[in-house]
Amino acid sequence: MALGTESREEFYSYELAHAAHKIVTEVAPVHPGEQVVITADTASDARVVEATAQATYAVGGIPTVIWYQTLPNPCMDPPAPVANALLRADVWIEFATAYALYSPAYFAAIEAGCRYLAVTGMDVDMMVRTIGRVNYAALEKMKYLLYEISQEADTIRVTSSVGTNLTMKVDKAGDPFFAPPPSEGGYPIMLGGQSGFMACQDSFEGTLVFDGCIWPPAEIGILRSPVTLRIEGGHIRSIEGGHEAALFKRWLDSFNDPRMHMMDHACYGFNPGVTKPTGRIVEDERIFGCMQFGIGPSSKGAPSHTDGVVLNPSVWADNEQLEDEGRYVHPELIRLCQEMNVPGY
């Protein structure tokens, strides 16, 4: 944040109201009478929390806002009263920076039938750019198309000019995380501008170079120098680079758990409102044209989770190229980029 008007109440106040309305009507539609729990920690932006609560009430939902302390790491359970409230929620909108996604409380809420929206660490500027000013319907179409193309392939390969050369096998029977949601029951909703495929976690092979951002740990965020991971059989065998690479390795090692050195997932980023790293991982995962990789699989009981971003990758689904140095080149993807008025398409 630059010193100026960004922290003032009137900053983008009209645009924020519009974006908050889109959250409860397009992103995670709220129906009249539904119980909506909005959670935030002490690192959250109160303006987006209040605007979303107001929008929820305006469309007939029943908003309950809960604040609590910022936890040391993501994926930790929130305080017990918060976790209990989530069990009675129809919709849970999470703004907490140290997110509860993948925590036991999260899985319990989903099992209880809650629809969960991850908008962690969001501030006014981010909400306006990533939600208010984008064609959200086209974003959703691109999400499903990327998922379908990728899932039909056997192998995904990612390269980058700074040294990434990574292959993954597609798990045809994997959890359809980016498929259309079920008609009943609870499910997660991710901020628009991200898609992916179900990779076999033990199939990640090669070199992965993060050059955009890594978070957590909180000490890193935007990268000033690349961090290189050597990966065999889905396990990180070495981490190379400068000061930030050393910080990252120490953080992973601090859990004293081999699952924190295991690859979890790979995703595409394509939100037109995100053009550069900011240090806020939910936004950075959606830098237009990036690839994002998760480490620490919750499905295997990893005690935490972290994500890193590769800028300007080239991507192939089998022999079909989807991206060339951060630019989508598949004809159907190009048409959707044009529909979203992305510069250069």
Protein backbone atom coordinates (compact mmCIF):
# COMPACT_ATOMS: atom_id res chain seq x y z
CA MET A 1 0.00 0.00 0.00
CA ALA A 2 1.30 3.44 -0.90
CA LEU A 3 0.81 6.26 1.57
CA GLY A 4 -2.27 8.15 0.41
CA THR A 5 -6.01 7.56 0.35
CA GLU A 6 -6.01 3.75 0.29
CA SER A 7 -6.76 3.33 3.98
CA ARG A 8 -9.52 5.94 4.16
CA GLU A 9 -13.18 4.96 4.52
CA GLU A 10 -14.19 6.78 1.33
CA PHE A 11 -11.55 5.05 -0.83
CA TYR A 12 -13.43 3.21 -3.62
CA SER A 13 -16.54 3.26 -1.40
CA TYR A 14 -19.02 3.12 -4.31
CA GLU A 15 -16.97 0.52 -6.16
CA LEU A 16 -16.68 -1.54 -2.99
CA ALA A 17 -20.45 -1.62 -2.57
CA HIS A 18 -20.76 -2.89 -6.14
CA ALA A 19 -18.14 -5.61 -5.59
CA ALA A 20 -19.74 -6.72 -2.31
CA HIS A 21 -23.08 -7.02 -4.07
CA LYS A 22 -21.44 -9.23 -6.71
CA ILE A 23 -20.03 -11.47 -3.96
CA VAL A 24 -23.49 -12.30 -2.62
CA THR A 25 -25.24 -12.47 -6.01
CA GLU A 26 -22.67 -13.94 -8.44
CA VAL A 27 -19.67 -15.34 -6.58
CA ALA A 28 -21.43 -17.07 -3.66
CA PRO A 29 -25.14 -16.35 -4.13
CA VAL A 30 -27.01 -15.81 -0.87
CA HIS A 31 -30.71 -16.64 -0.73
CA PRO A 32 -33.27 -14.90 1.51
CA GLY A 33 -33.28 -16.28 5.03
CA GLU A 34 -29.89 -18.00 4.79
CA GLN A 35 -27.50 -17.82 7.73
CA VAL A 36 -24.24 -16.22 6.56
CA VAL A 37 -21.20 -16.29 8.85
CA ILE A 38 -18.44 -13.84 7.90
CA THR A 39 -15.13 -14.48 9.65
CA ALA A 40 -12.19 -12.09 9.91
CA ASP A 41 -9.00 -11.88 11.93
CA THR A 42 -7.14 -8.84 13.21
CA ALA A 43 -5.16 -8.65 9.94
CA SER A 44 -8.35 -8.30 7.87
CA ASP A 45 -9.65 -5.11 6.25
CA ALA A 46 -12.78 -4.10 8.19
CA ARG A 47 -14.17 -2.19 5.21
CA VAL A 48 -14.63 -5.28 3.03
CA VAL A 49 -16.09 -7.21 5.97
CA GLU A 50 -18.68 -4.51 6.70
CA ALA A 51 -19.57 -4.02 3.03
CA THR A 52 -20.14 -7.75 2.57
CA ALA A 53 -22.31 -7.93 5.69
CA GLN A 54 -24.38 -5.02 4.40
CA ALA A 55 -24.75 -6.64 0.96
CA THR A 56 -25.77 -9.92 2.59
CA TYR A 57 -28.50 -8.17 4.56
CA ALA A 58 -29.66 -6.26 1.47
CA VAL A 59 -30.36 -9.49 -0.45
CA GLY A 60 -32.23 -11.06 2.46
CA GLY A 61 -29.48 -13.05 4.14
CA ILE A 62 -28.83 -13.03 7.89
CA PRO A 63 -25.22 -11.90 8.41
CA THR A 64 -23.19 -12.72 11.51
CA VAL A 65 -19.68 -11.24 11.65
CA ILE A 66 -17.05 -12.86 13.88
CA TRP A 67 -13.60 -11.39 14.57
CA TYR A 68 -10.74 -13.22 16.25
CA GLN A 69 -6.97 -13.02 16.67
CA THR A 70 -4.64 -13.68 13.73
CA LEU A 71 -3.33 -17.23 14.08
CA PRO A 72 0.36 -18.15 13.57
CA ASN A 73 -0.19 -20.24 10.42
CA PRO A 74 -2.94 -21.06 7.92
CA CYS A 75 -4.99 -24.26 8.18
CA MET A 76 -5.29 -23.96 11.95
CA ASP A 77 -8.68 -24.28 13.63
CA PRO A 78 -10.26 -20.96 14.58
CA PRO A 79 -11.38 -20.52 18.21
CA ALA A 80 -13.99 -23.07 19.28
CA PRO A 81 -16.97 -20.64 19.29
CA VAL A 82 -16.15 -19.74 15.68
CA ALA A 83 -15.92 -23.39 14.64
CA ASN A 84 -19.25 -24.10 16.33
CA ALA A 85 -20.93 -21.19 14.55
CA LEU A 86 -19.77 -22.51 11.19
CA LEU A 87 -21.67 -25.74 11.78
CA ARG A 88 -24.91 -23.74 11.66
CA ALA A 89 -24.01 -21.59 8.65
CA ASP A 90 -25.53 -21.93 5.20
CA VAL A 91 -22.75 -19.74 3.79
CA TRP A 92 -19.31 -18.98 5.27
CA ILE A 93 -17.35 -16.06 3.83
CA GLU A 94 -13.77 -16.08 5.12
CA PHE A 95 -11.70 -12.89 5.12
CA ALA A 96 -9.20 -14.07 7.78
CA THR A 97 -5.62 -13.69 6.54
CA ALA A 98 -4.44 -16.80 8.42
CA TYR A 99 -7.14 -18.82 6.70
CA ALA A 100 -8.98 -21.81 8.16
CA LEU A 101 -9.27 -23.52 4.77
CA TYR A 102 -8.23 -27.21 5.08
CA SER A 103 -8.52 -27.09 8.89
CA PRO A 104 -10.67 -29.61 10.81
CA ALA A 105 -13.24 -26.84 11.35
CA TYR A 106 -13.39 -26.25 7.59
CA PHE A 107 -14.00 -29.90 6.79
CA ALA A 108 -16.65 -30.11 9.52
CA ALA A 109 -18.46 -27.07 8.11
CA ILE A 110 -18.44 -28.50 4.59
CA GLU A 111 -19.72 -31.82 5.91
CA ALA A 112 -22.52 -29.96 7.69
CA GLY A 113 -23.64 -28.48 4.35
CA CYS A 114 -21.96 -25.06 4.38
CA ARG A 115 -20.96 -23.26 1.19
CA TYR A 116 -17.53 -21.75 1.85
CA LEU A 117 -16.04 -18.75 0.03
CA ALA A 118 -12.28 -18.15 0.35
CA VAL A 119 -11.51 -14.43 0.07
CA THR A 120 -8.75 -14.39 2.65
CA GLY A 121 -6.57 -11.33 3.07
CA MET A 122 -8.76 -9.22 0.80
CA ASP A 123 -8.78 -5.44 1.02
CA VAL A 124 -10.80 -2.78 -0.77
CA ASP A 125 -8.49 -2.40 -3.77
CA MET A 126 -8.26 -6.16 -4.25
CA MET A 127 -12.03 -6.66 -4.06
CA VAL A 128 -12.69 -3.95 -6.61
CA ARG A 129 -10.06 -5.25 -9.07
CA THR A 130 -10.68 -9.01 -8.74
CA ILE A 131 -14.47 -8.98 -8.42
CA GLY A 132 -16.08 -5.63 -9.09
CA ARG A 133 -14.35 -4.82 -12.38
CA VAL A 134 -14.17 -8.24 -14.04
CA ASN A 135 -16.58 -10.23 -16.19
CA TYR A 136 -17.27 -12.89 -13.59
CA ALA A 137 -19.38 -15.09 -15.85
CA ALA A 138 -16.53 -15.32 -18.36
CA LEU A 139 -14.08 -16.09 -15.54
CA GLU A 140 -16.23 -19.05 -14.54
CA LYS A 141 -16.42 -20.30 -18.13
CA MET A 142 -12.63 -20.17 -18.40
CA LYS A 143 -12.30 -22.07 -15.12
CA TYR A 144 -14.41 -24.96 -16.37
CA LEU A 145 -12.76 -25.01 -19.81
CA LEU A 146 -9.23 -25.15 -18.39
CA TYR A 147 -10.30 -27.93 -16.03
CA GLU A 148 -11.90 -29.96 -18.84
CA ILE A 149 -8.95 -29.59 -21.23
CA SER A 150 -6.44 -30.50 -18.51
CA GLN A 151 -8.38 -33.44 -17.10
CA GLU A 152 -8.62 -34.97 -20.57
CA ALA A 153 -4.82 -35.05 -20.82
CA ASP A 154 -2.52 -37.66 -19.32
CA THR A 155 0.42 -35.37 -18.59
CA ILE A 156 0.80 -31.65 -17.88
CA ARG A 157 4.19 -30.02 -18.46
CA VAL A 158 5.18 -26.57 -17.21
CA THR A 159 8.33 -24.64 -18.15
CA SER A 160 9.52 -21.08 -17.55
CA SER A 161 12.39 -18.86 -18.62
CA VAL A 162 13.89 -18.92 -15.10
CA GLY A 163 14.28 -22.70 -15.04
CA THR A 164 10.98 -24.44 -14.30
CA ASN A 165 10.71 -27.79 -16.10
CA LEU A 166 8.08 -29.86 -14.33
CA THR A 167 5.77 -32.70 -15.35
CA MET A 168 2.70 -34.11 -13.59
CA LYS A 169 0.39 -37.03 -14.29
CA VAL A 170 -3.34 -36.25 -14.31
CA ASP A 171 -5.45 -38.18 -11.81
CA LYS A 172 -8.59 -39.06 -13.74
CA ALA A 173 -10.37 -40.19 -10.57
CA GLY A 174 -9.32 -37.23 -8.42
CA ASP A 175 -11.60 -34.91 -6.49
CA PRO A 176 -13.37 -32.73 -9.12
CA PHE A 177 -12.45 -29.54 -7.25
CA PHE A 178 -12.86 -27.23 -10.26
CA ALA A 179 -15.91 -28.95 -11.75
CA PRO A 180 -19.38 -27.37 -11.41
CA PRO A 181 -20.55 -27.59 -7.77
CA PRO A 182 -23.05 -30.18 -6.54
CA SER A 183 -26.73 -29.25 -6.38
CA GLU A 184 -26.89 -30.12 -2.68
CA GLY A 185 -24.59 -30.13 0.33
CA GLY A 186 -21.56 -28.09 1.23
CA TYR A 187 -18.67 -27.20 -1.04
CA PRO A 188 -15.82 -24.67 -1.35
CA ILE A 189 -15.91 -21.64 -3.65
CA MET A 190 -12.61 -20.09 -4.68
CA LEU A 191 -12.18 -16.50 -5.85
CA GLY A 192 -12.62 -16.31 -9.63
CA GLY A 193 -9.59 -16.48 -11.88
CA GLN A 194 -8.23 -19.85 -10.84
CA SER A 195 -8.59 -23.34 -12.25
CA GLY A 196 -6.57 -26.51 -12.27
CA PHE A 197 -6.53 -30.25 -12.64
CA MET A 198 -6.20 -33.21 -10.34
CA ALA A 199 -2.52 -34.17 -10.35
CA CYS A 200 -1.29 -37.44 -8.89
CA GLN A 201 0.66 -36.11 -5.93
CA ASP A 202 3.53 -38.55 -6.32
CA SER A 203 3.92 -37.75 -10.03
CA PHE A 204 5.50 -34.27 -9.75
CA GLU A 205 8.94 -34.61 -11.37
CA GLY A 206 11.56 -32.03 -12.25
CA THR A 207 12.46 -28.47 -11.34
CA LEU A 208 10.03 -25.87 -10.03
CA VAL A 209 11.17 -22.25 -9.78
CA PHE A 210 9.02 -19.78 -7.89
CA ASP A 211 9.66 -16.22 -9.09
CA GLY A 212 6.42 -14.45 -8.15
CA CYS A 213 5.65 -15.04 -4.51
CA ILE A 214 5.51 -17.61 -1.71
CA TRP A 215 3.12 -17.46 1.24
CA PRO A 216 3.26 -18.54 4.01
CA PRO A 217 5.60 -17.91 5.77
CA ALA A 218 4.65 -14.31 6.40
CA GLU A 219 8.33 -13.31 6.17
CA ILE A 220 8.38 -13.87 2.41
CA GLY A 221 5.41 -12.82 0.24
CA ILE A 222 6.74 -11.11 -2.90
CA LEU A 223 9.98 -12.76 -4.04
CA ARG A 224 13.07 -10.66 -4.70
CA SER A 225 15.01 -13.63 -6.08
CA PRO A 226 13.89 -17.02 -7.45
CA VAL A 227 13.45 -20.05 -5.21
CA THR A 228 14.29 -23.37 -6.91
CA LEU A 229 12.78 -26.69 -5.83
CA ARG A 230 14.14 -30.05 -7.05
CA ILE A 231 11.27 -32.53 -6.97
CA GLU A 232 11.27 -36.33 -7.27
CA GLY A 233 8.20 -38.51 -6.89
CA GLY A 234 6.19 -35.60 -5.54
CA HIS A 235 8.72 -34.88 -2.77
CA ILE A 236 10.89 -31.77 -2.52
CA ARG A 237 14.48 -33.02 -2.39
CA SER A 238 16.24 -29.65 -2.23
CA ILE A 239 15.51 -25.92 -2.04
CA GLU A 240 18.03 -23.55 -3.61
CA GLY A 241 18.39 -19.80 -3.90
CA GLY A 242 19.17 -16.83 -1.73
CA HIS A 243 17.84 -15.52 1.58
CA GLU A 244 14.19 -16.21 0.79
CA ALA A 245 14.96 -19.80 -0.18
CA ALA A 246 16.65 -20.26 3.19
CA LEU A 247 13.64 -18.76 4.98
CA PHE A 248 11.30 -21.04 3.08
CA LYS A 249 13.33 -24.16 3.83
CA ARG A 250 13.54 -23.30 7.53
CA TRP A 251 9.78 -22.77 7.69
CA LEU A 252 9.02 -26.12 6.04
CA ASP A 253 11.58 -27.88 8.24
CA SER A 254 10.13 -26.30 11.39
CA PHE A 255 7.11 -28.60 11.24
CA ASN A 256 9.37 -31.66 11.49
CA ASP A 257 6.89 -33.46 9.25
CA PRO A 258 7.78 -35.00 5.86
CA ARG A 259 4.33 -34.14 4.53
CA MET A 260 5.35 -30.48 4.48
CA HIS A 261 7.86 -31.40 1.76
CA MET A 262 5.22 -33.04 -0.44
CA MET A 263 3.59 -31.43 -3.47
CA ASP A 264 -0.16 -30.96 -3.27
CA HIS A 265 -1.66 -29.29 -6.34
CA ALA A 266 -1.15 -27.16 -9.44
CA CYS A 267 -3.42 -24.35 -10.64
CA TYR A 268 -3.78 -21.81 -13.43
CA GLY A 269 -4.17 -18.11 -12.62
CA PHE A 270 -6.13 -15.82 -14.95
CA ASN A 271 -7.91 -12.95 -13.19
CA PRO A 272 -7.58 -9.85 -15.42
CA GLY A 273 -7.58 -7.66 -12.31
CA VAL A 274 -4.26 -9.12 -11.14
CA THR A 275 -1.22 -8.25 -13.23
CA LYS A 276 1.65 -8.36 -10.71
CA PRO A 277 2.53 -9.89 -7.33
CA THR A 278 1.27 -8.07 -4.26
CA GLY A 279 2.26 -10.47 -1.48
CA ARG A 280 -1.37 -11.42 -0.82
CA ILE A 281 -1.48 -15.05 -1.85
CA VAL A 282 -5.17 -15.32 -2.77
CA GLU A 283 -4.62 -12.50 -5.25
CA ASP A 284 -1.17 -13.61 -6.41
CA GLU A 285 -2.43 -17.11 -7.23
CA ARG A 286 -4.61 -15.42 -9.85
CA ILE A 287 -2.00 -13.27 -11.60
CA PHE A 288 -3.09 -13.42 -15.21
CA GLY A 289 -1.17 -16.17 -16.99
CA CYS A 290 0.64 -17.57 -13.94
CA MET A 291 0.83 -21.09 -12.53
CA GLN A 292 0.47 -21.70 -8.81
CA PHE A 293 1.64 -24.75 -6.86
CA GLY A 294 0.57 -25.90 -3.41
CA ILE A 295 2.80 -27.72 -0.93
CA GLY A 296 1.60 -29.66 2.11
CA PRO A 297 -1.38 -31.88 1.17
CA SER A 298 -4.27 -31.59 3.63
CA SER A 299 -5.61 -34.87 2.24
CA LYS A 300 -2.58 -36.58 3.79
CA GLY A 301 -2.81 -34.71 7.09
CA ALA A 302 -0.11 -32.09 6.52
CA PRO A 303 -0.01 -29.69 9.49
CA SER A 304 -0.03 -26.59 7.27
CA HIS A 305 -0.01 -25.52 3.63
CA THR A 306 1.87 -23.05 1.46
CA ASP A 307 1.63 -21.81 -2.12
CA GLY A 308 4.09 -20.42 -4.63
CA VAL A 309 3.69 -18.70 -7.99
CA VAL A 310 5.50 -19.16 -11.31
CA LEU A 311 5.26 -16.11 -13.58
CA ASN A 312 4.95 -16.30 -17.37
CA PRO A 313 4.96 -20.11 -17.71
CA SER A 314 4.55 -22.21 -20.83
CA VAL A 315 2.09 -25.07 -20.36
CA TRP A 316 1.24 -28.18 -22.35
CA ALA A 317 -1.60 -30.67 -21.86
CA ASP A 318 -0.01 -33.71 -23.53
CA ASN A 319 1.09 -32.21 -26.87
CA GLU A 320 -1.43 -29.36 -26.90
CA GLN A 321 0.02 -26.03 -25.80
CA LEU A 322 -2.23 -23.94 -23.56
CA GLU A 323 0.16 -21.11 -22.62
CA ASP A 324 3.29 -19.63 -24.11
CA GLU A 325 5.29 -17.53 -21.64
CA GLY A 326 2.18 -16.45 -19.77
CA ARG A 327 -0.02 -15.89 -22.82
CA TYR A 328 -2.91 -18.25 -23.51
CA VAL A 329 -2.62 -19.66 -27.03
CA HIS A 330 -5.39 -22.28 -27.13
CA PRO A 331 -8.11 -20.93 -29.51
CA GLU A 332 -11.02 -21.41 -27.09
CA LEU A 333 -9.07 -19.81 -24.26
CA ILE A 334 -8.17 -16.87 -26.50
CA ARG A 335 -11.87 -16.28 -27.20
CA LEU A 336 -12.62 -16.13 -23.48
CA CYS A 337 -9.72 -13.73 -22.93
CA GLN A 338 -11.24 -11.52 -25.60
CA GLU A 339 -14.64 -11.77 -23.89
CA MET A 340 -13.00 -10.52 -20.69
CA ASN A 341 -11.31 -7.65 -22.59
CA VAL A 342 -7.85 -8.75 -21.51
CA PRO A 343 -5.21 -6.42 -23.04
CA GLY A 344 -3.26 -8.02 -25.89
CA TYR A 345 -6.00 -10.42 -26.98
